């Protein structure tokens, strides 16, 4: 049966629409890649700057520790006692930070909502009566 001009133009329209959608999707993917590359460069630069700042702050902490210890020496404490006091102070601060961090980790509930959502999607995707093999 020969096709009419209406059917041909409908087929041509569908082909054009498919081509335009394909081009649009490819363009969107390229745009996303370009934006991701740009953002990745900015994040990398920022991470490097934060690392340098943390290193400088660490050096300042070391120097401040020496200054505090020598201040204690000037007050009249023995040098070994002054440095021991500063060291014990930092050990107590570290222990407190570990304690608080451990308490924070105990409060984690895991990814309960995500797990539940994935189970629901699995149930929806599985046709009635078909058994799903458990993951090994």
C-alpha atoms as a PDB file:
ATOM      1  CA  UNK A   1       0.000   0.000   0.000  1.00  0.00           C
ATOM      2  CA  UNK A   2       1.538   3.335  -1.031  1.00  0.00           C
ATOM      3  CA  UNK A   3       2.120   5.930   1.667  1.00  0.00           C
ATOM      4  CA  UNK A   4       0.364   9.267   1.443  1.00  0.00           C
ATOM      5  CA  UNK A   5       2.144  12.580   1.798  1.00  0.00           C
ATOM      6  CA  UNK A   6       0.602  12.983   5.286  1.00  0.00           C
ATOM      7  CA  UNK A   7       2.152   9.712   6.426  1.00  0.00           C
ATOM      8  CA  UNK A   8       5.490  10.653   4.925  1.00  0.00           C
ATOM      9  CA  UNK A   9       5.500  14.017   6.625  1.00  0.00           C
ATOM     10  CA  UNK A  10       4.511  12.380   9.932  1.00  0.00           C
ATOM     11  CA  UNK A  11       7.416   9.944   9.604  1.00  0.00           C
ATOM     12  CA  UNK A  12       9.741  12.789   8.682  1.00  0.00           C
ATOM     13  CA  UNK A  13       8.540  14.788  11.688  1.00  0.00           C
ATOM     14  CA  UNK A  14       9.158  11.845  14.014  1.00  0.00           C
ATOM     15  CA  UNK A  15      12.642  11.382  12.542  1.00  0.00           C
ATOM     16  CA  UNK A  16      13.401  15.081  12.947  1.00  0.00           C
ATOM     17  CA  UNK A  17      12.109  15.091  16.534  1.00  0.00           C
ATOM     18  CA  UNK A  18      14.241  12.068  17.368  1.00  0.00           C
ATOM     19  CA  UNK A  19      17.281  13.740  15.810  1.00  0.00           C
ATOM     20  CA  UNK A  20      16.643  16.991  17.720  1.00  0.00           C
ATOM     21  CA  UNK A  21      16.195  15.164  21.020  1.00  0.00           C
ATOM     22  CA  UNK A  22      19.399  13.218  20.424  1.00  0.00           C
ATOM     23  CA  UNK A  23      21.272  16.447  19.650  1.00  0.00           C
ATOM     24  CA  UNK A  24      19.804  18.145  22.708  1.00  0.00           C
ATOM     25  CA  UNK A  25      20.813  15.270  24.996  1.00  0.00           C
ATOM     26  CA  UNK A  26      24.363  15.272  23.586  1.00  0.00           C
ATOM     27  CA  UNK A  27      24.598  19.045  24.040  1.00  0.00           C
ATOM     28  CA  UNK A  28      23.382  18.811  27.633  1.00  0.00           C
ATOM     29  CA  UNK A  29      25.961  16.102  28.364  1.00  0.00           C
ATOM     30  CA  UNK A  30      28.740  18.263  26.903  1.00  0.00           C
ATOM     31  CA  UNK A  31      27.554  21.242  28.956  1.00  0.00           C
ATOM     32  CA  UNK A  32      27.534  19.127  32.116  1.00  0.00           C
ATOM     33  CA  UNK A  33      31.070  17.901  31.365  1.00  0.00           C
ATOM     34  CA  UNK A  34      32.321  21.452  30.828  1.00  0.00           C
ATOM     35  CA  UNK A  35      30.713  22.693  34.036  1.00  0.00           C
ATOM     36  CA  UNK A  36      32.085  19.721  35.969  1.00  0.00           C
ATOM     37  CA  UNK A  37      35.607  20.370  34.670  1.00  0.00           C
ATOM     38  CA  UNK A  38      35.361  24.037  35.648  1.00  0.00           C
ATOM     39  CA  UNK A  39      33.989  23.205  39.103  1.00  0.00           C
ATOM     40  CA  UNK A  40      36.612  20.479  39.621  1.00  0.00           C
ATOM     41  CA  UNK A  41      39.407  22.980  38.943  1.00  0.00           C
ATOM     42  CA  UNK A  42      37.923  25.430  41.437  1.00  0.00           C
ATOM     43  CA  UNK A  43      37.453  22.726  44.081  1.00  0.00           C
ATOM     44  CA  UNK A  44      41.015  21.498  43.556  1.00  0.00           C
ATOM     45  CA  UNK A  45      42.415  25.011  43.920  1.00  0.00           C
ATOM     46  CA  UNK A  46      40.341  25.651  47.039  1.00  0.00           C
ATOM     47  CA  UNK A  47      41.416  22.323  48.559  1.00  0.00           C
ATOM     48  CA  UNK A  48      45.052  23.209  47.966  1.00  0.00           C
ATOM     49  CA  UNK A  49      44.596  26.605  49.600  1.00  0.00           C
ATOM     50  CA  UNK A  50      42.824  25.041  52.600  1.00  0.00           C
ATOM     51  CA  UNK A  51      45.635  22.499  52.956  1.00  0.00           C
ATOM     52  CA  UNK A  52      48.248  25.275  52.891  1.00  0.00           C
ATOM     53  CA  UNK A  53      46.262  27.242  55.493  1.00  0.00           C
ATOM     54  CA  UNK A  54      45.968  24.167  57.718  1.00  0.00           C
ATOM     55  CA  UNK A  55      49.707  23.573  57.457  1.00  0.00           C
ATOM     56  CA  UNK A  56      50.439  27.191  58.393  1.00  0.00           C
ATOM     57  CA  UNK A  57      48.001  26.992  61.318  1.00  0.00           C
ATOM     58  CA  UNK A  58      49.739  23.827  62.488  1.00  0.00           C
ATOM     59  CA  UNK A  59      53.094  25.601  62.427  1.00  0.00           C
ATOM     60  CA  UNK A  60      51.567  28.473  64.423  1.00  0.00           C
ATOM     61  CA  UNK A  61      50.242  26.003  66.976  1.00  0.00           C
ATOM     62  CA  UNK A  62      53.707  24.520  67.404  1.00  0.00           C
ATOM     63  CA  UNK A  63      55.257  27.948  67.863  1.00  0.00           C
ATOM     64  CA  UNK A  64      52.510  28.963  70.299  1.00  0.00           C
ATOM     65  CA  UNK A  65      53.163  25.786  72.276  1.00  0.00           C
ATOM     66  CA  UNK A  66      56.829  26.703  72.622  1.00  0.00           C
ATOM     67  CA  UNK A  67      55.886  30.243  73.608  1.00  0.00           C
ATOM     68  CA  UNK A  68      53.525  28.980  76.323  1.00  0.00           C
ATOM     69  CA  UNK A  69      56.134  26.535  77.616  1.00  0.00           C
ATOM     70  CA  UNK A  70      58.816  29.233  77.790  1.00  0.00           C
ATOM     71  CA  UNK A  71      56.326  31.568  79.485  1.00  0.00           C
ATOM     72  CA  UNK A  72      55.861  28.908  82.164  1.00  0.00           C
ATOM     73  CA  UNK A  73      59.659  28.679  82.458  1.00  0.00           C
ATOM     74  CA  UNK A  74      59.837  32.461  82.948  1.00  0.00           C
ATOM     75  CA  UNK A  75      57.209  32.196  85.695  1.00  0.00           C
ATOM     76  CA  UNK A  76      59.563  29.906  87.553  1.00  0.00           C
ATOM     77  CA  UNK A  77      58.768  26.323  86.551  1.00  0.00           C
ATOM     78  CA  UNK A  78      61.475  23.922  85.484  1.00  0.00           C
ATOM     79  CA  UNK A  79      61.833  23.578  81.708  1.00  0.00           C
ATOM     80  CA  UNK A  80      60.876  19.897  81.697  1.00  0.00           C
ATOM     81  CA  UNK A  81      57.779  20.638  83.814  1.00  0.00           C
ATOM     82  CA  UNK A  82      56.673  23.519  81.574  1.00  0.00           C
ATOM     83  CA  UNK A  83      56.904  21.388  78.423  1.00  0.00           C
ATOM     84  CA  UNK A  84      55.180  18.481  80.198  1.00  0.00           C
ATOM     85  CA  UNK A  85      52.276  20.732  81.201  1.00  0.00           C
ATOM     86  CA  UNK A  86      51.831  21.907  77.589  1.00  0.00           C
ATOM     87  CA  UNK A  87      52.036  18.310  76.311  1.00  0.00           C
ATOM     88  CA  UNK A  88      49.484  17.027  78.843  1.00  0.00           C
ATOM     89  CA  UNK A  89      47.149  19.893  77.921  1.00  0.00           C
ATOM     90  CA  UNK A  90      47.253  18.873  74.249  1.00  0.00           C
ATOM     91  CA  UNK A  91      46.754  15.213  75.151  1.00  0.00           C
ATOM     92  CA  UNK A  92      43.651  16.138  77.164  1.00  0.00           C
ATOM     93  CA  UNK A  93      42.283  18.204  74.275  1.00  0.00           C
ATOM     94  CA  UNK A  94      42.941  15.307  71.869  1.00  0.00           C
ATOM     95  CA  UNK A  95      41.201  12.846  74.202  1.00  0.00           C
ATOM     96  CA  UNK A  96      38.204  15.178  74.475  1.00  0.00           C
ATOM     97  CA  UNK A  97      38.006  15.459  70.688  1.00  0.00           C
ATOM     98  CA  UNK A  98      38.157  11.661  70.312  1.00  0.00           C
ATOM     99  CA  UNK A  99      35.422  11.266  72.921  1.00  0.00           C
ATOM    100  CA  UNK A 100      33.129  13.793  71.203  1.00  0.00           C
ATOM    101  CA  UNK A 101      33.840  12.282  67.769  1.00  0.00           C
ATOM    102  CA  UNK A 102      33.076   8.776  69.027  1.00  0.00           C
ATOM    103  CA  UNK A 103      29.799   9.953  70.533  1.00  0.00           C
ATOM    104  CA  UNK A 104      28.857  11.558  67.223  1.00  0.00           C
ATOM    105  CA  UNK A 105      29.567   8.331  65.322  1.00  0.00           C
ATOM    106  CA  UNK A 106      27.375   6.282  67.666  1.00  0.00           C
ATOM    107  CA  UNK A 107      24.424   8.421  66.634  1.00  0.00           C
ATOM    108  CA  UNK A 108      24.679   7.415  62.963  1.00  0.00           C
ATOM    109  CA  UNK A 109      21.672   5.533  61.720  1.00  0.00           C
ATOM    110  CA  UNK A 110      23.098   4.463  58.396  1.00  0.00           C
ATOM    111  CA  UNK A 111      21.290   4.980  55.146  1.00  0.00           C
ATOM    112  CA  UNK A 112      17.898   3.749  56.272  1.00  0.00           C
ATOM    113  CA  UNK A 113      15.786   5.863  53.914  1.00  0.00           C
ATOM    114  CA  UNK A 114      17.937   4.982  50.897  1.00  0.00           C
ATOM    115  CA  UNK A 115      17.838   1.273  51.749  1.00  0.00           C
ATOM    116  CA  UNK A 116      14.063   1.366  52.175  1.00  0.00           C
ATOM    117  CA  UNK A 117      13.657   3.272  48.902  1.00  0.00           C
ATOM    118  CA  UNK A 118      15.810   0.751  47.033  1.00  0.00           C
ATOM    119  CA  UNK A 119      13.773  -2.128  48.464  1.00  0.00           C
ATOM    120  CA  UNK A 120      10.569  -0.455  47.316  1.00  0.00           C
ATOM    121  CA  UNK A 121      11.993   0.102  43.839  1.00  0.00           C
ATOM    122  CA  UNK A 122      13.044  -3.543  43.704  1.00  0.00           C
ATOM    123  CA  UNK A 123       9.517  -4.617  44.628  1.00  0.00           C
ATOM    124  CA  UNK A 124       8.010  -2.334  41.984  1.00  0.00           C
ATOM    125  CA  UNK A 125      10.431  -3.517  39.295  1.00  0.00           C
ATOM    126  CA  UNK A 126       9.842  -7.199  40.017  1.00  0.00           C
ATOM    127  CA  UNK A 127       6.834  -8.600  38.133  1.00  0.00           C
ATOM    128  CA  UNK A 128       4.214 -10.421  40.190  1.00  0.00           C
ATOM    129  CA  UNK A 129       5.054 -14.032  40.859  1.00  0.00           C
ATOM    130  CA  UNK A 130       8.672 -13.778  39.748  1.00  0.00           C
ATOM    131  CA  UNK A 131      11.252 -14.647  42.367  1.00  0.00           C
ATOM    132  CA  UNK A 132      14.246 -12.385  42.754  1.00  0.00           C
ATOM    133  CA  UNK A 133      17.546 -14.062  43.531  1.00  0.00           C
ATOM    134  CA  UNK A 134      19.122 -12.624  46.672  1.00  0.00           C
ATOM    135  CA  UNK A 135      22.394 -10.810  46.160  1.00  0.00           C
ATOM    136  CA  UNK A 136      25.385 -12.998  46.928  1.00  0.00           C
END
